[in-house]
Amino acid sequence: MIVLGIDPGTAIMGYGVVEYGNSKHKSLAYGVIRTDKGDKTEDRLKQLFLGVNRLFDEYKPDVMAVEELFFNRNTTNALSVGQARGVILLAAGIREVPIGEYTPLQVKQAVVGYGRAEKHQVQFMIRKILGLEATPKPDDAADALAVAICYCQFGGRQSWQSTRR
């Protein structure tokens, strides 16, 4: 099974592609799609949409895992990330790729075994699980790999995902 993990964002969207089988994880790719802050919102969203579609074309994922929106104090940022998530979910919906959505707490629980783990603990476990020599950079790419690993760990459990077709 190939899982495309996404850490949504408008300026920087992290992605991680993980192959999972026989209880083993293998990183196929990771990175980010960046948009220019000076561009119009619709142009930035178009770039994200086209970028995710390129990932679908190249890696042909069986499923996509996306981090759910964590709403804190910055409502402007939350709205922007929500728009990015919408575009990403639309891209998967058009291609009929099932989607798993996970909270940051669920991702940390799946990767580290503790939902309140710190970023460095998650990054250490990503390296260990995927057999990587270094922590993926930037953090958005590492976060996307963690989301993909979360799907691999808990994807079959309805209580951990909202899968659509």
Protein backbone atom coordinates (compact mmCIF):
# COMPACT_ATOMS: atom_id res chain seq x y z
CA MET A 1 0.00 0.00 0.00
CA ILE A 2 1.28 3.47 -0.86
CA VAL A 3 0.20 6.31 1.43
CA LEU A 4 0.52 9.99 0.58
CA GLY A 5 0.78 11.95 3.84
CA ILE A 6 -0.01 15.66 3.80
CA ASP A 7 0.75 18.41 6.31
CA PRO A 8 -1.48 21.15 4.90
CA GLY A 9 -0.49 24.76 4.65
CA THR A 10 -0.84 27.56 2.13
CA ALA A 11 2.74 28.85 2.21
CA ILE A 12 4.35 25.44 2.76
CA MET A 13 2.55 22.13 2.29
CA GLY A 14 4.53 19.11 3.45
CA TYR A 15 4.19 15.75 1.75
CA GLY A 16 5.53 12.30 2.48
CA VAL A 17 5.05 9.14 0.45
CA VAL A 18 5.33 5.90 2.40
CA GLU A 19 5.07 2.34 1.16
CA TYR A 20 3.71 -0.03 3.78
CA GLY A 21 3.57 -3.80 3.66
CA ASN A 22 4.35 -6.75 5.92
CA SER A 23 4.48 -4.35 8.90
CA LYS A 24 7.38 -2.46 7.28
CA HIS A 25 7.49 1.20 6.29
CA LYS A 26 9.59 2.57 3.44
CA SER A 27 9.94 6.23 2.51
CA LEU A 28 9.53 6.74 -1.23
CA ALA A 29 9.69 10.54 -1.19
CA TYR A 30 9.17 13.60 0.93
CA GLY A 31 9.35 17.34 0.52
CA VAL A 32 7.26 20.47 0.36
CA ILE A 33 5.24 22.47 -2.10
CA ARG A 34 5.83 26.19 -1.54
CA THR A 35 3.74 29.10 -2.69
CA ASP A 36 4.73 32.74 -2.83
CA LYS A 37 3.15 34.92 -0.17
CA GLY A 38 2.83 37.74 -2.69
CA ASP A 39 0.64 35.70 -5.05
CA LYS A 40 -3.14 35.93 -5.01
CA THR A 41 -4.91 33.35 -2.88
CA GLU A 42 -6.51 31.64 -5.87
CA ASP A 43 -3.09 31.29 -7.54
CA ARG A 44 -1.58 29.78 -4.40
CA LEU A 45 -4.43 27.29 -4.07
CA LYS A 46 -4.08 26.40 -7.75
CA GLN A 47 -0.36 25.70 -7.19
CA LEU A 48 -1.19 23.39 -4.29
CA PHE A 49 -3.87 21.60 -6.32
CA LEU A 50 -1.51 21.08 -9.25
CA GLY A 51 1.31 20.01 -6.94
CA VAL A 52 -0.82 17.36 -5.22
CA ASN A 53 -1.98 16.12 -8.60
CA ARG A 54 1.66 15.74 -9.70
CA LEU A 55 2.24 13.60 -6.58
CA PHE A 56 -0.81 11.48 -7.47
CA ASP A 57 0.53 11.04 -11.01
CA GLU A 58 4.05 10.14 -9.91
CA TYR A 59 3.42 7.90 -6.89
CA LYS A 60 -0.13 6.64 -7.52
CA PRO A 61 -1.02 6.42 -3.81
CA ASP A 62 -3.68 3.99 -2.67
CA VAL A 63 -4.77 6.37 0.09
CA MET A 64 -4.09 9.87 1.33
CA ALA A 65 -3.66 10.83 4.97
CA VAL A 66 -4.13 14.46 5.98
CA GLU A 67 -3.56 16.20 9.27
CA GLU A 68 -6.74 17.75 10.60
CA LEU A 69 -6.86 21.46 11.21
CA PHE A 70 -5.61 22.42 14.63
CA PHE A 71 -7.39 25.63 15.56
CA ASN A 72 -5.43 27.74 17.98
CA ARG A 73 -5.48 31.51 18.35
CA ASN A 74 -4.53 32.62 14.85
CA THR A 75 -7.85 32.58 12.97
CA THR A 76 -6.31 34.03 9.80
CA ASN A 77 -3.84 31.16 9.63
CA ALA A 78 -6.59 28.64 10.43
CA LEU A 79 -8.72 29.90 7.55
CA SER A 80 -5.76 29.79 5.17
CA VAL A 81 -4.87 26.22 6.19
CA GLY A 82 -8.54 25.29 5.87
CA GLN A 83 -8.55 26.52 2.29
CA ALA A 84 -5.41 24.49 1.55
CA ARG A 85 -7.01 21.40 3.11
CA GLY A 86 -10.09 21.90 0.94
CA VAL A 87 -8.02 21.96 -2.24
CA ILE A 88 -6.07 18.86 -1.16
CA LEU A 89 -9.25 16.96 -0.27
CA LEU A 90 -10.80 18.01 -3.59
CA ALA A 91 -7.80 16.64 -5.50
CA ALA A 92 -8.17 13.27 -3.75
CA GLY A 93 -11.94 13.30 -4.21
CA ILE A 94 -11.68 13.87 -7.95
CA ARG A 95 -9.35 10.87 -8.20
CA GLU A 96 -11.48 8.83 -5.78
CA VAL A 97 -8.51 8.25 -3.47
CA PRO A 98 -9.67 7.32 0.06
CA ILE A 99 -8.74 9.85 2.74
CA GLY A 100 -7.80 9.39 6.39
CA GLU A 101 -7.82 12.49 8.58
CA TYR A 102 -5.91 12.61 11.86
CA THR A 103 -5.44 15.10 14.65
CA PRO A 104 -1.91 16.03 15.76
CA LEU A 105 -2.55 14.05 18.96
CA GLN A 106 -3.45 10.92 16.96
CA VAL A 107 -0.35 11.31 14.77
CA LYS A 108 1.92 11.58 17.81
CA GLN A 109 0.20 8.60 19.42
CA ALA A 110 0.73 6.48 16.29
CA VAL A 111 4.37 7.44 15.77
CA VAL A 112 5.69 7.80 19.32
CA GLY A 113 3.09 6.00 21.42
CA TYR A 114 2.32 9.17 23.37
CA GLY A 115 -0.12 11.83 22.16
CA ARG A 116 1.67 14.69 23.88
CA ALA A 117 5.11 13.85 22.45
CA GLU A 118 7.41 16.70 21.53
CA LYS A 119 8.47 17.44 17.97
CA HIS A 120 12.00 16.06 18.44
CA GLN A 121 10.57 12.77 19.72
CA VAL A 122 8.32 12.45 16.66
CA GLN A 123 11.23 13.24 14.35
CA PHE A 124 13.45 10.65 16.06
CA MET A 125 10.78 7.97 15.62
CA ILE A 126 10.18 8.92 11.96
CA ARG A 127 13.88 8.33 11.30
CA LYS A 128 13.81 5.03 13.18
CA ILE A 129 10.59 3.71 11.58
CA LEU A 130 11.65 4.67 8.05
CA GLY A 131 15.36 3.86 8.47
CA LEU A 132 16.44 7.38 7.51
CA GLU A 133 19.91 8.68 8.33
CA ALA A 134 18.74 12.24 8.95
CA THR A 135 15.55 13.98 9.99
CA PRO A 136 13.60 15.11 6.92
CA LYS A 137 13.70 18.86 6.41
CA PRO A 138 11.85 21.13 6.56
CA ASP A 139 9.64 20.17 9.50
CA ASP A 140 6.56 20.18 7.25
CA ALA A 141 7.98 17.21 5.29
CA ALA A 142 8.72 15.32 8.51
CA ASP A 143 5.19 16.06 9.75
CA ALA A 144 3.73 14.72 6.50
CA LEU A 145 5.70 11.49 6.86
CA ALA A 146 4.35 11.18 10.41
CA VAL A 147 0.79 11.54 9.09
CA ALA A 148 1.45 8.81 6.51
CA ILE A 149 2.87 6.53 9.22
CA CYS A 150 -0.23 7.25 11.32
CA TYR A 151 -2.44 5.95 8.52
CA CYS A 152 -0.30 2.82 8.26
CA GLN A 153 -0.57 2.21 11.99
CA PHE A 154 -4.28 2.95 12.42
CA GLY A 155 -5.76 3.16 8.92
CA GLY A 156 -7.94 0.09 9.34
CA ARG A 157 -9.58 1.35 12.50
CA GLN A 158 -12.74 3.34 11.84
CA SER A 159 -12.39 5.18 15.14
CA TRP A 160 -9.13 6.69 13.93
CA GLN A 161 -10.15 7.82 10.49
CA SER A 162 -12.87 9.21 8.35
CA THR A 163 -12.35 7.45 5.05
CA ARG A 164 -14.31 8.55 2.01
CA ARG A 165 -14.72 7.12 -1.46
